[in-house]
Amino acid sequence: MIQVHRDLQHLPEFKKAVITIGTFDGVHLGHQQIIKLLKAEAAEIGGETVIITFHPHPRKVVSHGKSAVKIINTLPEKTELLDKLGIEHLVVVAFNEEFASQAAEEYIENFLVKNFHPSTIIIGYDHKFGKNRLGDYHLLENMGEKYNYRVKEIPEHVLNQITISSTKIREALLKPDIDTANTFLGYDYFFEGKVVEGNKLGRTIGYPTANLVIENEEKLIPGNGVYAVRLTIGVNEVILKGMMNIGMRPTVDGTKRTIEVNIFNFDEDIYGQVMKVYIHKFLRGEVKFDGLEQLKEQLAKDKIKAGAILDLGM
């Protein structure tokens, strides 16, 4: 079970810490290569795996909040994914102006060495840190002898894959090209939302929906359309199947973007509960139909198609 640490003053004494530093947004296939390196090194020396990440995203601080990059994973989602991959410690460091203004040598001595006593630091050749981003791989290496740690380089092709993957995932989700996003992620894209009351129109045509509100505004929500999804509700881990619509609901002259999930073979009151939605397949774009009857006919086709895809695991 992963241990999450937020207070640098009360960190445990790590055993031969093998550390890496990064945002790990997406924890996608590129990131997973770094995690393999981290785990292999820890196994070799009998050490513990430690990932250091920052919150909020450093770009928000250094660009004074102007950066509107949507995140692929919220912090709880990232933690869940890293836990599944067998990481032992995640240290979440509060990133602020004061932290960003540390000199590079200070960052190594007072942050990395003092808090983590690393045995190995695994880092990209192009990793920059400290005030004005003057610290780099070579400085870490030069100070390694003094502080008794080794530095291992993340190969350039892995770093390139991470950059390309993160960009492609964001672009694909917005298109929406779920197949491409899920391929780069190595898992079905997911998010959590709270079930709130809607206008209950769906139940009048035989397709009741759970209306979701996403509480983290930074979370990237895919482009408008209809999707085949799997989902869980509350703490219940039973996987349910359904179809989801993201969009403006043009047939009923909707005025705001909504997220609605029709859960197959389900009839329970779940208002106020948290639903976790795993987006498996894009079915079609949003269409304005000539009335509710035509919409109902299309939903029947969508349900058959989604059911077939989910049953076959396509």
Protein backbone atom coordinates (compact mmCIF):
# COMPACT_ATOMS: atom_id res chain seq x y z
CA MET A 1 0.00 0.00 0.00
CA ILE A 2 1.46 3.36 -1.04
CA GLN A 3 2.21 5.84 1.74
CA VAL A 4 1.46 9.48 0.95
CA HIS A 5 3.49 12.13 2.77
CA ARG A 6 2.69 15.84 2.73
CA ASP A 7 4.75 17.15 5.62
CA LEU A 8 8.49 17.39 5.02
CA GLN A 9 9.05 17.83 8.76
CA HIS A 10 7.64 14.38 9.51
CA LEU A 11 8.97 12.10 6.80
CA PRO A 12 9.94 8.55 7.75
CA GLU A 13 13.55 7.43 7.54
CA PHE A 14 13.57 5.94 4.07
CA LYS A 15 15.59 2.77 3.60
CA LYS A 16 18.13 3.39 0.78
CA ALA A 17 15.69 5.71 -0.97
CA VAL A 18 15.56 5.43 -4.73
CA ILE A 19 13.93 8.68 -5.79
CA THR A 20 12.64 10.40 -8.88
CA ILE A 21 10.93 13.75 -9.26
CA GLY A 22 8.12 14.78 -11.59
CA THR A 23 4.47 15.65 -12.08
CA PHE A 24 3.62 12.15 -13.40
CA ASP A 25 0.39 13.55 -14.84
CA GLY A 26 -1.40 10.65 -16.51
CA VAL A 27 0.90 7.95 -15.07
CA HIS A 28 0.88 6.79 -18.70
CA LEU A 29 3.03 4.23 -20.52
CA GLY A 30 6.00 6.64 -20.70
CA HIS A 31 5.87 7.25 -16.94
CA GLN A 32 5.54 3.53 -16.39
CA GLN A 33 8.98 3.00 -17.95
CA ILE A 34 10.50 5.31 -15.31
CA ILE A 35 8.62 3.42 -12.60
CA LYS A 36 10.12 0.16 -13.91
CA LEU A 37 13.63 1.69 -13.66
CA LEU A 38 12.86 2.92 -10.14
CA LYS A 39 11.60 -0.48 -8.97
CA ALA A 40 14.47 -2.37 -10.60
CA GLU A 41 17.06 -0.15 -8.89
CA ALA A 42 15.28 -0.46 -5.52
CA ALA A 43 15.14 -4.25 -5.85
CA GLU A 44 18.84 -4.38 -6.73
CA ILE A 45 20.01 -2.41 -3.69
CA GLY A 46 17.25 -3.42 -1.24
CA GLY A 47 15.87 0.11 -1.14
CA GLU A 48 12.47 1.85 -1.16
CA THR A 49 10.82 3.60 -4.11
CA VAL A 50 10.03 7.28 -3.55
CA ILE A 51 8.32 9.59 -6.03
CA ILE A 52 8.43 13.32 -5.28
CA THR A 53 5.71 15.38 -6.91
CA PHE A 54 4.56 18.96 -6.52
CA HIS A 55 1.19 20.54 -5.81
CA PRO A 56 -0.03 22.79 -7.27
CA HIS A 57 1.52 22.23 -10.69
CA PRO A 58 4.81 24.24 -10.77
CA ARG A 59 3.73 25.90 -14.02
CA LYS A 60 0.83 27.55 -12.20
CA VAL A 61 3.22 29.14 -9.72
CA VAL A 62 6.06 30.21 -12.01
CA SER A 63 3.61 31.63 -14.58
CA HIS A 64 1.55 33.21 -11.76
CA GLY A 65 -1.56 31.16 -12.42
CA LYS A 66 -1.78 32.09 -16.10
CA SER A 67 -1.24 28.52 -17.20
CA ALA A 68 -4.59 26.87 -17.81
CA VAL A 69 -3.24 23.38 -18.52
CA LYS A 70 -5.93 20.86 -17.69
CA ILE A 71 -4.71 17.89 -15.70
CA ILE A 72 -5.07 14.27 -16.80
CA ASN A 73 -5.09 13.02 -13.18
CA THR A 74 -6.16 14.64 -9.96
CA LEU A 75 -3.87 13.93 -7.00
CA PRO A 76 -6.09 11.09 -5.62
CA GLU A 77 -6.24 9.51 -9.11
CA LYS A 78 -2.46 9.76 -9.50
CA THR A 79 -1.99 8.19 -6.05
CA GLU A 80 -4.33 5.31 -6.96
CA LEU A 81 -2.43 4.60 -10.19
CA LEU A 82 1.01 4.75 -8.52
CA ASP A 83 -0.25 2.43 -5.79
CA LYS A 84 -1.36 -0.12 -8.39
CA LEU A 85 2.12 0.05 -9.94
CA GLY A 86 3.75 -0.80 -6.61
CA ILE A 87 5.32 2.54 -5.61
CA GLU A 88 5.96 2.60 -1.86
CA HIS A 89 6.11 6.34 -1.10
CA LEU A 90 4.62 9.43 -2.73
CA VAL A 91 5.81 12.74 -1.29
CA VAL A 92 3.61 15.70 -2.21
CA VAL A 93 5.57 18.92 -1.86
CA ALA A 94 3.80 22.28 -1.61
CA PHE A 95 5.18 24.25 -4.55
CA ASN A 96 5.30 28.00 -3.96
CA GLU A 97 7.42 31.06 -4.75
CA GLU A 98 9.72 30.42 -1.79
CA PHE A 99 10.40 26.83 -2.86
CA ALA A 100 10.95 27.91 -6.47
CA SER A 101 13.49 30.56 -5.41
CA GLN A 102 15.94 28.14 -3.73
CA ALA A 103 19.40 28.14 -5.27
CA ALA A 104 20.18 24.85 -7.03
CA GLU A 105 22.84 23.77 -4.47
CA GLU A 106 20.40 24.61 -1.65
CA TYR A 107 17.74 22.48 -3.36
CA ILE A 108 20.11 19.49 -3.36
CA GLU A 109 21.44 19.99 0.19
CA ASN A 110 18.40 21.28 2.07
CA PHE A 111 15.65 19.55 0.15
CA LEU A 112 16.84 16.31 -1.44
CA VAL A 113 19.67 15.22 0.89
CA LYS A 114 18.28 16.54 4.19
CA ASN A 115 14.79 15.07 3.68
CA PHE A 116 15.40 11.90 1.70
CA HIS A 117 19.05 10.83 2.20
CA PRO A 118 18.85 9.28 -1.27
CA SER A 119 20.83 6.25 -2.27
CA THR A 120 19.96 6.75 -5.95
CA ILE A 121 18.39 9.65 -7.82
CA ILE A 122 16.88 8.74 -11.18
CA ILE A 123 16.43 11.84 -13.30
CA GLY A 124 16.20 13.02 -16.90
CA TYR A 125 19.32 14.45 -18.55
CA ASP A 126 17.33 17.65 -19.21
CA HIS A 127 15.85 18.01 -15.69
CA LYS A 128 16.24 21.58 -14.38
CA PHE A 129 15.71 22.78 -10.83
CA GLY A 130 16.43 25.63 -8.43
CA LYS A 131 16.27 29.39 -8.91
CA ASN A 132 16.28 30.38 -12.59
CA ARG A 133 16.41 26.63 -13.35
CA LEU A 134 20.20 26.65 -13.04
CA GLY A 135 20.47 23.19 -11.45
CA ASP A 136 20.83 20.21 -13.77
CA TYR A 137 21.89 16.57 -14.06
CA HIS A 138 25.60 17.48 -13.99
CA LEU A 139 25.31 19.46 -10.75
CA LEU A 140 23.49 16.53 -9.13
CA GLU A 141 26.24 14.21 -10.33
CA ASN A 142 29.03 16.52 -9.10
CA MET A 143 27.51 16.72 -5.61
CA GLY A 144 26.79 12.98 -5.47
CA GLU A 145 30.21 12.05 -4.11
CA LYS A 146 29.95 14.55 -1.24
CA TYR A 147 26.50 13.33 -0.21
CA ASN A 148 26.94 9.66 -1.04
CA TYR A 149 24.26 9.14 -3.69
CA ARG A 150 24.32 7.89 -7.27
CA VAL A 151 22.58 9.58 -10.19
CA LYS A 152 21.06 7.50 -12.97
CA GLU A 153 19.82 9.01 -16.19
CA ILE A 154 16.39 8.43 -17.69
CA PRO A 155 17.03 7.69 -21.38
CA GLU A 156 16.21 10.47 -23.85
CA HIS A 157 13.75 8.31 -25.81
CA VAL A 158 11.71 7.71 -22.62
CA LEU A 159 11.59 11.45 -21.86
CA ASN A 160 10.53 12.20 -25.42
CA GLN A 161 7.82 9.57 -25.16
CA ILE A 162 6.51 11.19 -21.96
CA THR A 163 6.27 14.64 -23.53
CA ILE A 164 4.68 13.32 -26.71
CA SER A 165 2.30 11.06 -24.78
CA SER A 166 1.04 13.78 -22.40
CA THR A 167 0.37 16.15 -25.31
CA LYS A 168 -1.28 13.47 -27.43
CA ILE A 169 -3.46 12.30 -24.53
CA ARG A 170 -4.76 15.83 -23.91
CA GLU A 171 -5.37 16.46 -27.62
CA ALA A 172 -7.03 13.08 -28.10
CA LEU A 173 -9.39 13.53 -25.15
CA LEU A 174 -10.55 16.90 -26.44
CA LYS A 175 -11.15 15.67 -30.01
CA PRO A 176 -12.53 13.24 -28.64
CA ASP A 177 -10.39 10.29 -29.72
CA ILE A 178 -10.70 8.00 -26.72
CA ASP A 179 -8.98 5.06 -28.45
CA THR A 180 -5.75 7.04 -28.87
CA ALA A 181 -5.90 8.50 -25.35
CA ASN A 182 -6.45 5.07 -23.77
CA THR A 183 -3.66 3.53 -25.86
CA PHE A 184 -1.13 6.08 -24.61
CA LEU A 185 -2.42 5.85 -21.04
CA GLY A 186 -2.40 2.06 -20.90
CA TYR A 187 -5.80 2.15 -19.15
CA ASP A 188 -9.30 3.59 -19.70
CA TYR A 189 -9.43 7.32 -18.93
CA PHE A 190 -11.47 7.99 -15.81
CA PHE A 191 -12.88 10.72 -13.62
CA GLU A 192 -15.09 11.11 -10.57
CA GLY A 193 -18.27 13.15 -10.24
CA LYS A 194 -20.95 13.74 -7.67
CA VAL A 195 -24.48 12.67 -8.65
CA VAL A 196 -26.86 15.66 -8.53
CA GLU A 197 -30.48 16.20 -9.51
CA GLY A 198 -31.13 17.02 -13.13
CA ASN A 199 -34.40 17.86 -14.88
CA LYS A 200 -35.35 14.14 -14.94
CA LEU A 201 -36.16 14.31 -18.67
CA GLY A 202 -34.32 11.04 -19.35
CA ARG A 203 -36.69 8.96 -17.25
CA THR A 204 -39.71 10.25 -19.22
CA ILE A 205 -38.32 8.60 -22.38
CA GLY A 206 -37.08 5.43 -20.67
CA TYR A 207 -33.44 6.44 -20.24
CA PRO A 208 -32.93 7.83 -16.71
CA THR A 209 -29.54 9.45 -16.25
CA ALA A 210 -27.28 10.31 -13.35
CA ASN A 211 -26.14 13.92 -13.71
CA LEU A 212 -22.54 14.42 -12.63
CA VAL A 213 -20.75 17.47 -11.27
CA ILE A 214 -16.95 17.35 -11.46
CA GLU A 215 -15.65 19.12 -8.38
CA ASN A 216 -12.04 19.60 -9.51
CA GLU A 217 -12.14 22.34 -12.15
CA GLU A 218 -8.65 21.49 -13.38
CA LYS A 219 -9.62 17.95 -14.45
CA LEU A 220 -9.70 17.49 -18.21
CA ILE A 221 -13.15 16.45 -19.42
CA PRO A 222 -13.29 14.86 -22.90
CA GLY A 223 -15.01 16.49 -25.87
CA ASN A 224 -18.76 16.37 -26.39
CA GLY A 225 -20.39 13.15 -27.51
CA VAL A 226 -21.78 9.78 -26.45
CA TYR A 227 -19.53 7.13 -24.90
CA ALA A 228 -19.63 3.51 -23.76
CA VAL A 229 -18.51 3.52 -20.11
CA ARG A 230 -17.92 1.35 -17.08
CA LEU A 231 -18.49 2.80 -13.64
CA THR A 232 -18.54 2.30 -9.90
CA ILE A 233 -20.71 4.07 -7.32
CA GLY A 234 -19.55 5.18 -3.87
CA VAL A 235 -17.31 2.69 -2.08
CA ASN A 236 -18.96 -0.22 -3.89
CA GLU A 237 -16.39 -1.71 -6.26
CA VAL A 238 -18.94 -3.54 -8.42
CA ILE A 239 -18.34 -2.54 -12.04
CA LEU A 240 -21.51 -1.41 -13.80
CA LYS A 241 -21.97 -0.67 -17.50
CA GLY A 242 -23.61 2.26 -19.18
CA MET A 243 -23.47 5.04 -21.74
CA MET A 244 -22.56 8.65 -21.09
CA ASN A 245 -23.41 11.89 -22.85
CA ILE A 246 -21.20 14.96 -22.51
CA GLY A 247 -22.58 18.08 -24.13
CA MET A 248 -25.17 20.80 -24.46
CA ARG A 249 -28.24 18.57 -25.09
CA PRO A 250 -29.27 20.48 -28.25
CA THR A 251 -32.49 18.48 -28.77
CA VAL A 252 -33.96 19.99 -25.59
CA ASP A 253 -32.28 23.40 -26.07
CA GLY A 254 -29.79 22.87 -23.28
CA THR A 255 -27.97 26.01 -22.14
CA LYS A 256 -25.02 24.50 -20.27
CA ARG A 257 -22.63 21.60 -20.69
CA THR A 258 -23.73 18.54 -18.78
CA ILE A 259 -22.39 15.05 -18.05
CA GLU A 260 -25.11 12.40 -17.87
CA VAL A 261 -24.74 8.65 -17.41
CA ASN A 262 -27.42 6.08 -18.21
CA ILE A 263 -26.57 2.98 -16.15
CA PHE A 264 -27.73 -0.29 -17.72
CA ASN A 265 -30.07 -2.52 -15.67
CA PHE A 266 -29.98 -0.22 -12.66
CA ASP A 267 -32.71 1.49 -10.67
CA GLU A 268 -31.48 2.90 -7.36
CA ASP A 269 -31.44 6.33 -5.76
CA ILE A 270 -27.80 7.46 -5.86
CA TYR A 271 -28.15 11.23 -5.39
CA GLY A 272 -25.22 12.68 -3.48
CA GLN A 273 -22.98 9.69 -4.15
CA VAL A 274 -19.67 9.77 -5.99
CA MET A 275 -19.51 7.95 -9.31
CA LYS A 276 -16.24 6.92 -10.93
CA VAL A 277 -16.55 6.68 -14.71
CA TYR A 278 -14.11 4.74 -16.93
CA ILE A 279 -14.49 5.87 -20.55
CA HIS A 280 -14.07 2.90 -22.85
CA LYS A 281 -15.23 3.92 -26.31
CA PHE A 282 -16.53 6.94 -28.23
CA LEU A 283 -19.86 6.07 -29.89
CA ARG A 284 -20.91 9.22 -31.76
CA GLY A 285 -20.89 13.00 -31.73
CA GLU A 286 -23.66 15.14 -30.29
CA VAL A 287 -26.64 15.57 -32.63
CA LYS A 288 -29.75 17.76 -32.55
CA PHE A 289 -32.76 15.50 -33.20
CA ASP A 290 -36.24 16.48 -34.40
CA GLY A 291 -37.96 15.88 -31.09
CA LEU A 292 -37.79 13.40 -28.23
CA GLU A 293 -39.11 10.42 -30.22
CA GLN A 294 -36.17 10.56 -32.61
CA LEU A 295 -33.79 10.99 -29.66
CA LYS A 296 -35.34 7.94 -27.99
CA GLU A 297 -34.81 5.83 -31.16
CA GLN A 298 -31.16 6.87 -31.30
CA LEU A 299 -30.61 6.11 -27.60
CA ALA A 300 -31.95 2.60 -28.17
CA LYS A 301 -29.32 2.11 -30.92
CA ASP A 302 -26.59 3.63 -28.71
CA LYS A 303 -27.47 1.26 -25.88
CA ILE A 304 -27.25 -1.81 -28.13
CA LYS A 305 -23.92 -0.66 -29.53
CA ALA A 306 -22.46 0.24 -26.11
CA GLY A 307 -23.66 -3.06 -24.62
CA ALA A 308 -22.04 -5.07 -27.39
CA ILE A 309 -18.73 -3.19 -27.08
CA LEU A 310 -18.59 -3.51 -23.28
CA ASP A 311 -19.62 -7.19 -23.27
CA LEU A 312 -16.95 -8.07 -25.80
CA GLY A 313 -14.33 -5.83 -24.17
CA MET A 314 -13.65 -4.25 -27.56
